[in-house]
């Protein structure tokens, strides 16, 4: 299951990606709960204007569908 957001412009405000990640966690959590599922592994992919990209994966201590726990995952890109 995945969710994504595409920005129409370069993001210069460091708070904007954080807000977006929390929105995506909320969306993903709701979809997981609707389907009575949980996840223990999250992957974040970022694609830049120059067509390069970064991908990071994190494994949760236990599977969850709770938005708050999904949104707490820390990413270092």
C-alpha atoms as a PDB file:
ATOM      1  CA  UNK A   1       0.000   0.000   0.000  1.00  0.00           C
ATOM      2  CA  UNK A   2       1.386   3.398  -0.821  1.00  0.00           C
ATOM      3  CA  UNK A   3       0.573   7.067  -0.805  1.00  0.00           C
ATOM      4  CA  UNK A   4       2.434   9.965  -2.373  1.00  0.00           C
ATOM      5  CA  UNK A   5       2.486  13.704  -2.816  1.00  0.00           C
ATOM      6  CA  UNK A   6       4.051  15.692  -5.632  1.00  0.00           C
ATOM      7  CA  UNK A   7       5.056  19.312  -5.116  1.00  0.00           C
ATOM      8  CA  UNK A   8       4.575  21.688  -8.049  1.00  0.00           C
ATOM      9  CA  UNK A   9       7.485  23.831  -6.887  1.00  0.00           C
ATOM     10  CA  UNK A  10      10.793  23.610  -5.051  1.00  0.00           C
ATOM     11  CA  UNK A  11      10.172  23.315  -1.322  1.00  0.00           C
ATOM     12  CA  UNK A  12      12.288  25.797   0.609  1.00  0.00           C
ATOM     13  CA  UNK A  13      10.385  25.853   3.905  1.00  0.00           C
ATOM     14  CA  UNK A  14      11.802  23.013   6.058  1.00  0.00           C
ATOM     15  CA  UNK A  15       8.446  22.663   7.863  1.00  0.00           C
ATOM     16  CA  UNK A  16       6.556  21.836   4.659  1.00  0.00           C
ATOM     17  CA  UNK A  17       8.033  18.346   4.137  1.00  0.00           C
ATOM     18  CA  UNK A  18       7.340  17.534   7.801  1.00  0.00           C
ATOM     19  CA  UNK A  19       3.695  18.611   7.448  1.00  0.00           C
ATOM     20  CA  UNK A  20       3.408  16.581   4.272  1.00  0.00           C
ATOM     21  CA  UNK A  21       4.856  13.454   5.920  1.00  0.00           C
ATOM     22  CA  UNK A  22       2.315  13.779   8.737  1.00  0.00           C
ATOM     23  CA  UNK A  23      -0.519  14.149   6.195  1.00  0.00           C
ATOM     24  CA  UNK A  24       0.715  11.055   4.361  1.00  0.00           C
ATOM     25  CA  UNK A  25       0.922   9.121   7.648  1.00  0.00           C
ATOM     26  CA  UNK A  26      -2.667  10.135   8.397  1.00  0.00           C
ATOM     27  CA  UNK A  27      -3.832   9.039   4.953  1.00  0.00           C
ATOM     28  CA  UNK A  28      -1.934   5.747   5.105  1.00  0.00           C
ATOM     29  CA  UNK A  29      -3.123   4.988   8.641  1.00  0.00           C
ATOM     30  CA  UNK A  30      -6.753   5.556   7.651  1.00  0.00           C
ATOM     31  CA  UNK A  31      -6.437   3.294   4.623  1.00  0.00           C
ATOM     32  CA  UNK A  32      -4.746   0.559   6.674  1.00  0.00           C
ATOM     33  CA  UNK A  33      -7.480   0.739   9.309  1.00  0.00           C
ATOM     34  CA  UNK A  34     -10.230   0.672   6.658  1.00  0.00           C
ATOM     35  CA  UNK A  35      -8.770  -2.578   5.336  1.00  0.00           C
ATOM     36  CA  UNK A  36      -8.086  -4.009   8.833  1.00  0.00           C
ATOM     37  CA  UNK A  37      -4.374  -4.154   8.092  1.00  0.00           C
ATOM     38  CA  UNK A  38      -1.172  -2.981   9.761  1.00  0.00           C
ATOM     39  CA  UNK A  39       2.379  -2.417   8.601  1.00  0.00           C
ATOM     40  CA  UNK A  40       5.724  -2.891  10.238  1.00  0.00           C
ATOM     41  CA  UNK A  41       7.849  -1.525   7.391  1.00  0.00           C
ATOM     42  CA  UNK A  42       7.725   1.969   5.881  1.00  0.00           C
ATOM     43  CA  UNK A  43       9.619   3.232   2.855  1.00  0.00           C
ATOM     44  CA  UNK A  44      10.073   6.874   1.933  1.00  0.00           C
ATOM     45  CA  UNK A  45      11.122   7.828  -1.577  1.00  0.00           C
ATOM     46  CA  UNK A  46      12.042  11.383  -2.537  1.00  0.00           C
ATOM     47  CA  UNK A  47      12.523  12.457  -6.132  1.00  0.00           C
ATOM     48  CA  UNK A  48      14.254  15.751  -6.843  1.00  0.00           C
ATOM     49  CA  UNK A  49      13.886  18.235  -9.704  1.00  0.00           C
ATOM     50  CA  UNK A  50      17.137  16.999 -11.284  1.00  0.00           C
ATOM     51  CA  UNK A  51      15.559  13.497 -11.468  1.00  0.00           C
ATOM     52  CA  UNK A  52      17.831  12.069  -8.780  1.00  0.00           C
ATOM     53  CA  UNK A  53      16.287  10.468  -5.726  1.00  0.00           C
ATOM     54  CA  UNK A  54      16.720   8.982  -2.274  1.00  0.00           C
ATOM     55  CA  UNK A  55      14.974   6.032  -0.658  1.00  0.00           C
ATOM     56  CA  UNK A  56      14.992   5.031   3.001  1.00  0.00           C
ATOM     57  CA  UNK A  57      13.206   2.191   4.792  1.00  0.00           C
ATOM     58  CA  UNK A  58      12.417   1.811   8.478  1.00  0.00           C
ATOM     59  CA  UNK A  59      11.055  -1.179  10.365  1.00  0.00           C
ATOM     60  CA  UNK A  60       8.722  -0.528  13.274  1.00  0.00           C
ATOM     61  CA  UNK A  61       9.115  -2.562  16.501  1.00  0.00           C
ATOM     62  CA  UNK A  62       5.678  -4.042  15.760  1.00  0.00           C
ATOM     63  CA  UNK A  63       3.096  -3.647  12.979  1.00  0.00           C
ATOM     64  CA  UNK A  64       0.698  -0.727  13.389  1.00  0.00           C
ATOM     65  CA  UNK A  65      -2.038   1.221  11.639  1.00  0.00           C
ATOM     66  CA  UNK A  66      -1.989   4.098  14.139  1.00  0.00           C
ATOM     67  CA  UNK A  67      -1.358   7.450  12.479  1.00  0.00           C
ATOM     68  CA  UNK A  68       0.611   8.808  15.433  1.00  0.00           C
ATOM     69  CA  UNK A  69       3.038   5.864  15.379  1.00  0.00           C
ATOM     70  CA  UNK A  70       3.382   5.962  11.579  1.00  0.00           C
ATOM     71  CA  UNK A  71       4.131   9.690  11.749  1.00  0.00           C
ATOM     72  CA  UNK A  72       6.836   9.239  14.393  1.00  0.00           C
ATOM     73  CA  UNK A  73       9.190   7.402  12.071  1.00  0.00           C
ATOM     74  CA  UNK A  74      12.350   9.475  11.688  1.00  0.00           C
ATOM     75  CA  UNK A  75      13.897   9.845   8.241  1.00  0.00           C
ATOM     76  CA  UNK A  76      17.387  11.020   7.418  1.00  0.00           C
ATOM     77  CA  UNK A  77      17.826  11.876   3.744  1.00  0.00           C
END
